[in-house]
Amino acid sequence: MKVALGIDESIVDTWFALITITGPVLGVVVGGIIVNCFGGYQNPVTIMVCFIEVILAALCGFPLPFVPTFAWFVFFLWF
């Protein structure tokens, strides 16, 4: 972010810290709620839901090298 997008180091450090703290924590909480809504880990439907979530995460990661603005980069990185 510092080199490719030309963003100030303090801004990058702040946003990176926010993303790496909130993203995984909220992912675990929301993921647990979603898995429980589909019947827990014993239900075969849950594996398909987890697969769809992995596909969505990958789709958010693919555009990262190509986004032109810091806001889009932060958006895709967080999701």
C-alpha atoms as a PDB file:
ATOM      1  CA  MET A   1       0.000   0.000   0.000  1.00  0.00           C
ATOM      2  CA  LYS A   2       2.864   2.317   0.776  1.00  0.00           C
ATOM      3  CA  VAL A   3       4.694   1.812  -2.502  1.00  0.00           C
ATOM      4  CA  ALA A   4       2.014   0.777  -5.012  1.00  0.00           C
ATOM      5  CA  LEU A   5      -0.710   3.193  -3.909  1.00  0.00           C
ATOM      6  CA  GLY A   6       1.560   5.909  -2.517  1.00  0.00           C
ATOM      7  CA  ILE A   7      -0.210   6.117   0.844  1.00  0.00           C
ATOM      8  CA  ASP A   8       1.461   7.621   3.914  1.00  0.00           C
ATOM      9  CA  GLU A   9       3.011   5.059   6.258  1.00  0.00           C
ATOM     10  CA  SER A  10       1.015   6.089   9.337  1.00  0.00           C
ATOM     11  CA  ILE A  11      -2.292   5.742   7.474  1.00  0.00           C
ATOM     12  CA  VAL A  12      -1.308   2.335   6.118  1.00  0.00           C
ATOM     13  CA  ASP A  13      -0.209   1.107   9.548  1.00  0.00           C
ATOM     14  CA  THR A  14      -3.427   2.275  11.199  1.00  0.00           C
ATOM     15  CA  TRP A  15      -5.721   0.720   8.602  1.00  0.00           C
ATOM     16  CA  PHE A  16      -3.718  -2.501   8.454  1.00  0.00           C
ATOM     17  CA  ALA A  17      -3.982  -2.856  12.237  1.00  0.00           C
ATOM     18  CA  LEU A  18      -7.738  -2.248  12.132  1.00  0.00           C
ATOM     19  CA  ILE A  19      -8.211  -4.756   9.322  1.00  0.00           C
ATOM     20  CA  THR A  20      -6.094  -7.494  10.898  1.00  0.00           C
ATOM     21  CA  ILE A  21      -7.831  -7.144  14.257  1.00  0.00           C
ATOM     22  CA  THR A  22     -11.474  -6.725  13.247  1.00  0.00           C
ATOM     23  CA  GLY A  23     -11.589  -8.929  10.122  1.00  0.00           C
ATOM     24  CA  PRO A  24     -10.685 -12.276  11.703  1.00  0.00           C
ATOM     25  CA  VAL A  25     -12.599 -11.657  14.923  1.00  0.00           C
ATOM     26  CA  LEU A  26     -15.814 -10.695  13.147  1.00  0.00           C
ATOM     27  CA  GLY A  27     -15.246 -13.527  10.658  1.00  0.00           C
ATOM     28  CA  VAL A  28     -15.193 -16.096  13.443  1.00  0.00           C
ATOM     29  CA  VAL A  29     -18.271 -14.641  15.146  1.00  0.00           C
ATOM     30  CA  VAL A  30     -20.339 -14.255  11.967  1.00  0.00           C
ATOM     31  CA  GLY A  31     -19.089 -17.576  10.581  1.00  0.00           C
ATOM     32  CA  GLY A  32     -20.136 -19.351  13.769  1.00  0.00           C
ATOM     33  CA  ILE A  33     -23.583 -17.805  13.602  1.00  0.00           C
ATOM     34  CA  ILE A  34     -23.979 -18.809   9.947  1.00  0.00           C
ATOM     35  CA  VAL A  35     -22.826 -22.376  10.606  1.00  0.00           C
ATOM     36  CA  ASN A  36     -25.264 -22.695  13.515  1.00  0.00           C
ATOM     37  CA  CYS A  37     -28.115 -21.404  11.340  1.00  0.00           C
ATOM     38  CA  PHE A  38     -27.486 -24.273   8.926  1.00  0.00           C
ATOM     39  CA  GLY A  39     -27.486 -26.923  11.634  1.00  0.00           C
ATOM     40  CA  GLY A  40     -23.950 -26.900  12.947  1.00  0.00           C
ATOM     41  CA  TYR A  41     -20.877 -28.806  11.868  1.00  0.00           C
ATOM     42  CA  GLN A  42     -22.675 -32.153  11.688  1.00  0.00           C
ATOM     43  CA  ASN A  43     -25.008 -31.054   8.874  1.00  0.00           C
ATOM     44  CA  PRO A  44     -23.754 -31.827   5.333  1.00  0.00           C
ATOM     45  CA  VAL A  45     -25.257 -28.562   4.039  1.00  0.00           C
ATOM     46  CA  THR A  46     -22.759 -26.675   6.199  1.00  0.00           C
ATOM     47  CA  ILE A  47     -19.826 -27.858   4.089  1.00  0.00           C
ATOM     48  CA  MET A  48     -21.431 -26.268   1.013  1.00  0.00           C
ATOM     49  CA  VAL A  49     -22.019 -23.020   2.919  1.00  0.00           C
ATOM     50  CA  CYS A  50     -18.363 -22.989   3.993  1.00  0.00           C
ATOM     51  CA  PHE A  51     -17.304 -23.644   0.395  1.00  0.00           C
ATOM     52  CA  ILE A  52     -19.378 -20.676  -0.811  1.00  0.00           C
ATOM     53  CA  GLU A  53     -17.795 -18.489   1.867  1.00  0.00           C
ATOM     54  CA  VAL A  54     -14.319 -19.543   0.684  1.00  0.00           C
ATOM     55  CA  ILE A  55     -15.232 -18.680  -2.920  1.00  0.00           C
ATOM     56  CA  LEU A  56     -16.490 -15.244  -1.827  1.00  0.00           C
ATOM     57  CA  ALA A  57     -13.284 -14.627   0.132  1.00  0.00           C
ATOM     58  CA  ALA A  58     -11.176 -15.595  -2.884  1.00  0.00           C
ATOM     59  CA  LEU A  59     -13.222 -13.293  -5.124  1.00  0.00           C
ATOM     60  CA  CYS A  60     -12.423 -10.432  -2.747  1.00  0.00           C
ATOM     61  CA  GLY A  61      -8.730 -11.272  -2.843  1.00  0.00           C
ATOM     62  CA  PHE A  62      -8.308 -11.502  -6.608  1.00  0.00           C
ATOM     63  CA  PRO A  63      -8.805  -7.781  -7.402  1.00  0.00           C
ATOM     64  CA  LEU A  64      -6.338  -6.567  -4.738  1.00  0.00           C
ATOM     65  CA  PRO A  65      -3.368  -6.179  -7.103  1.00  0.00           C
ATOM     66  CA  PHE A  66      -5.505  -4.227  -9.570  1.00  0.00           C
ATOM     67  CA  VAL A  67      -7.487  -1.736  -7.473  1.00  0.00           C
ATOM     68  CA  PRO A  68      -6.494   1.875  -8.114  1.00  0.00           C
ATOM     69  CA  THR A  69      -7.576   3.477  -4.834  1.00  0.00           C
ATOM     70  CA  PHE A  70      -6.799   2.989  -1.167  1.00  0.00           C
ATOM     71  CA  ALA A  71     -10.494   2.788  -0.230  1.00  0.00           C
ATOM     72  CA  TRP A  72     -11.158  -0.152  -2.566  1.00  0.00           C
ATOM     73  CA  PHE A  73      -7.978  -1.866  -1.400  1.00  0.00           C
ATOM     74  CA  VAL A  74      -9.065  -1.606   2.243  1.00  0.00           C
ATOM     75  CA  PHE A  75     -12.585  -2.800   1.362  1.00  0.00           C
ATOM     76  CA  PHE A  76     -11.415  -5.923  -0.482  1.00  0.00           C
ATOM     77  CA  LEU A  77      -8.680  -6.699   2.046  1.00  0.00           C
ATOM     78  CA  TRP A  78     -11.116  -6.555   4.956  1.00  0.00           C
ATOM     79  CA  PHE A  79     -13.661  -8.840   3.297  1.00  0.00           C
END
